[in-house]
Amino acid sequence: MCLAIPGRILSTEERDTNRIARVEFGGVIREALLDLVPEARVGDYVMVHVGLAISRVDAEEAEETLELLRSMDALDYAGADG
């Protein structure tokens, strides 16, 4: 089962025709495409599914979800694969 995981954008860059972000998922850092959320900026939280940011989310909601994932020991696995 795959699900979207909230993460905080640390940095962004343009690569070819794509906008790429370094996103932190509670200590795990991965890259994600921002093409579907062009309004997303450094410091914003985004929901990431298989390396693609699909929406912006409020920081409080993102932190609650991350805490739930931590309590289930699911964060490292989810952050690593999407």
Protein backbone atom coordinates (compact mmCIF):
# COMPACT_ATOMS: atom_id res chain seq x y z
CA MET A 1 0.00 0.00 0.00
CA CYS A 2 1.27 3.47 -0.87
CA LEU A 3 0.20 6.66 0.76
CA ALA A 4 1.14 10.31 0.66
CA ILE A 5 3.46 11.50 3.42
CA PRO A 6 3.72 15.13 4.57
CA GLY A 7 7.14 16.74 4.39
CA ARG A 8 8.66 20.20 4.74
CA ILE A 9 10.41 21.75 1.75
CA LEU A 10 14.04 22.57 2.58
CA SER A 11 15.16 23.86 -0.82
CA THR A 12 14.10 23.97 -4.46
CA GLU A 13 15.88 23.99 -7.81
CA GLU A 14 15.08 23.88 -11.50
CA ARG A 15 16.32 20.78 -13.32
CA ASP A 16 15.61 20.59 -17.04
CA THR A 17 11.90 21.43 -17.19
CA ASN A 18 11.11 20.23 -13.65
CA ARG A 19 11.07 21.94 -10.29
CA ILE A 20 12.67 19.68 -7.67
CA ALA A 21 12.58 20.07 -3.89
CA ARG A 22 14.59 18.56 -1.06
CA VAL A 23 11.87 17.53 1.38
CA GLU A 24 12.28 16.46 5.01
CA PHE A 25 9.98 13.77 6.41
CA GLY A 26 10.73 13.89 10.15
CA GLY A 27 14.49 13.55 9.68
CA VAL A 28 14.47 11.61 6.40
CA ILE A 29 15.36 13.80 3.40
CA ARG A 30 14.30 12.92 -0.14
CA GLU A 31 13.73 14.71 -3.44
CA ALA A 32 10.25 15.35 -4.80
CA LEU A 33 8.89 16.91 -7.98
CA LEU A 34 6.89 20.11 -7.39
CA ASP A 35 5.28 20.33 -10.82
CA LEU A 36 1.74 19.76 -9.46
CA VAL A 37 2.15 22.38 -6.70
CA PRO A 38 3.84 25.36 -8.39
CA GLU A 39 2.82 27.61 -5.48
CA ALA A 40 4.87 25.57 -2.96
CA ARG A 41 7.84 27.38 -1.44
CA VAL A 42 10.69 26.65 0.98
CA GLY A 43 9.20 26.08 4.44
CA ASP A 44 5.85 24.85 3.12
CA TYR A 45 4.58 21.36 3.87
CA VAL A 46 3.53 19.18 0.94
CA MET A 47 1.98 15.73 0.65
CA VAL A 48 4.37 13.50 -1.34
CA HIS A 49 3.34 10.29 -3.07
CA VAL A 50 6.05 8.23 -4.83
CA GLY A 51 8.31 11.25 -5.26
CA LEU A 52 5.65 13.66 -6.48
CA ALA A 53 4.27 16.47 -4.32
CA ILE A 54 0.52 16.36 -4.87
CA SER A 55 -0.74 19.15 -2.56
CA ARG A 56 0.24 21.68 0.06
CA VAL A 57 -0.89 21.08 3.65
CA ASP A 58 -1.09 23.14 6.77
CA ALA A 59 1.91 22.78 9.11
CA GLU A 60 -0.18 21.67 12.09
CA GLU A 61 -1.89 18.91 10.10
CA ALA A 62 1.47 17.79 8.69
CA GLU A 63 3.08 17.61 12.15
CA GLU A 64 0.13 15.62 13.55
CA THR A 65 0.44 13.12 10.70
CA LEU A 66 4.21 12.84 11.13
CA GLU A 67 3.75 12.22 14.87
CA LEU A 68 1.23 9.46 14.13
CA LEU A 69 3.65 7.84 11.68
CA ARG A 70 6.46 8.07 14.25
CA SER A 71 4.28 6.36 16.85
CA MET A 72 3.70 3.47 14.41
CA ASP A 73 7.42 3.27 13.53
CA ALA A 74 6.35 3.85 9.93
CA LEU A 75 8.18 7.09 9.19
CA ASP A 76 11.55 5.75 8.05
CA TYR A 77 9.94 3.25 5.71
CA ALA A 78 7.35 5.70 4.36
CA GLY A 79 9.80 8.57 3.96
CA ALA A 80 12.23 6.35 2.10
CA ASP A 81 9.83 5.05 -0.51
CA GLY A 82 7.19 7.67 -0.76
